[in-house]
Amino acid sequence: MTFSSLFLPFRRTATALSLAALLGCTFAPAWSQQAAPKKELSEKVSEDLAKIRAATDAKNYAEAIAIIDRLLKGAAPESYDLAVLSQVKAQILLTQADYSKAIDPLETAVLVSERNGYFEPKVNQELRYFLAQLFYQEAVTSKSRDALVRNYSKAAKYLEQWSKANTKPNPDAQLFFASLLYNQAQIDPNNVDMALIRRSQEEVEKGLAMTVRPKDTFYVLLLATLQQQNQTARSAEILELLVKIAPKNKTYWAQLASTYLNLQQDLRAALTIERAQVHEAMNTPKDNFNLVGIYFNMQQYDQAIALLEKGLRDGSIDSEQRNWELLAASLQQVRREARAIDVLKEATKQFPDSGSLYLTIAQIYYSLDKLEDSYSFAGQSVTHKLDKPWQAYTFLAYICFELKKFSEALEAINAALKYPEAGKDSERLKKAIEDAIKEREALANSPAA
């Protein structure tokens, strides 16, 4: 799970430091007569600022950048000219949404300013935050691992600098920092940095304490950190909060149900699905079948039967053979064999090629000591498609043997033994059938007969 979409900075041209301010009032005090000489712009740069302003006012940004690049070539290292021109260039590029190209001049402006004390601390803070956002955005679009590592590291560096100097709680910045740490931890998804995951959790929890009504994204990120640490029980608590905040979010409900299943709290998982369905979530045929499966595994067969009978009739559960077979199996569990047979007979009309349905009916009839009915459906099973025909033939042979239909029994068991999977039980049954035939023939040929 990544959080690349949480922070896409500079989607608008207005920023804390407007371009007009950079070309005018923001730096006016810096080159006034009272300012220290080191902070003065050179005469050439001062003259050309008017040209830069005129070009930007006309939205001729290419011309403005060309003037700045010419001036930068003549700017002395560590000079005030270098800091101001770099910042103005970065701001113009940001105005054009050319974020990647804005990074180098903006970073130059920040570093030169900090080393020489050019800009006010508040300005440096804002520039650091911009840089953190820019490097973060570069990271989430990086193509190579080296670029990913470099850009996340740079983003973290500037954001930590900003955080240390920040004195006013800022939930959005806190969420940004926690997200950055989380994504940085997953640079190598096969070797997640759990120390950074724990730091991300700590930072997001700080952010949650900064506001009375935190954004959902705080809880989503907290949930991600908990899941990475396999803190399943607490993950369920956060998901319960999320479904309360956003009950129409289908993803939250699905995650909550899955989490309860992982905790082996099947009843809570089932109730979660039912709660979700009130909000029109988790109501697909697959979800409904999963709910049936949970109740079946909990041995709540009456619940499973009710859901299946309704679902197979109204289409809220897919009318698949396995689902009809599960309904029959559930009915057998509550000793409703006659109803199970009716269900399977109904299923044969929908799946007429399936021999396994006939075989199951035959087996249920056998359990009810209705051998003739069992014989009839076992015989029908082998005339239809079967995944394991040797099983059906062996069962038919056994029923025929009990009904003393020895010739049919021998024919059936020989059919079963054509398959290597039939095994030794089938061979023993064949011997028993052959012995019974010999015994009958011996009795038929005896003088007493």
Foldseek 3Di string as FASTA:
>chain_A
DADLPLADPLPALDDPQHLVCLLPVQCVVQQDPPHDPQSHDDPVLVVCSVVLVVCVVVVVLVVNLVVLVVVCVVDDPLGNSLLSSLQSNLSSCSNVVVLVVSQVSLVSNLVSCVVPVRHDPVVSLRSLQSNLSSLSNQLVVDDDLVSNLVSLVSSLVSLVVSVVPDDDDDLSSLLVNLSSLQVNQCSPVVRGDLVSLVVSLVSLVVSVVNDPDDDLSSLVSNLVSCVVVVVLVVNLVSLVVVCVVPVLDQVSLVVNLVSCVVVVNLVVSLVSCVSSVVNVHLQALVSLVVSLVSCVVVVVLVVSLVSLVVCCVPVSHPVDPVSLQVNLVSCVSVVNNVVSLVSLVVNCVVVVQALVSLQVSLVSCVVVVNLVSSLVSLVVSLVHDDPQNLVSLQVNLVSCVVVVVLVSSLVSLVVSVVDVVNDDVSVVSNVVSVVSVVVVVCVVPDPVD
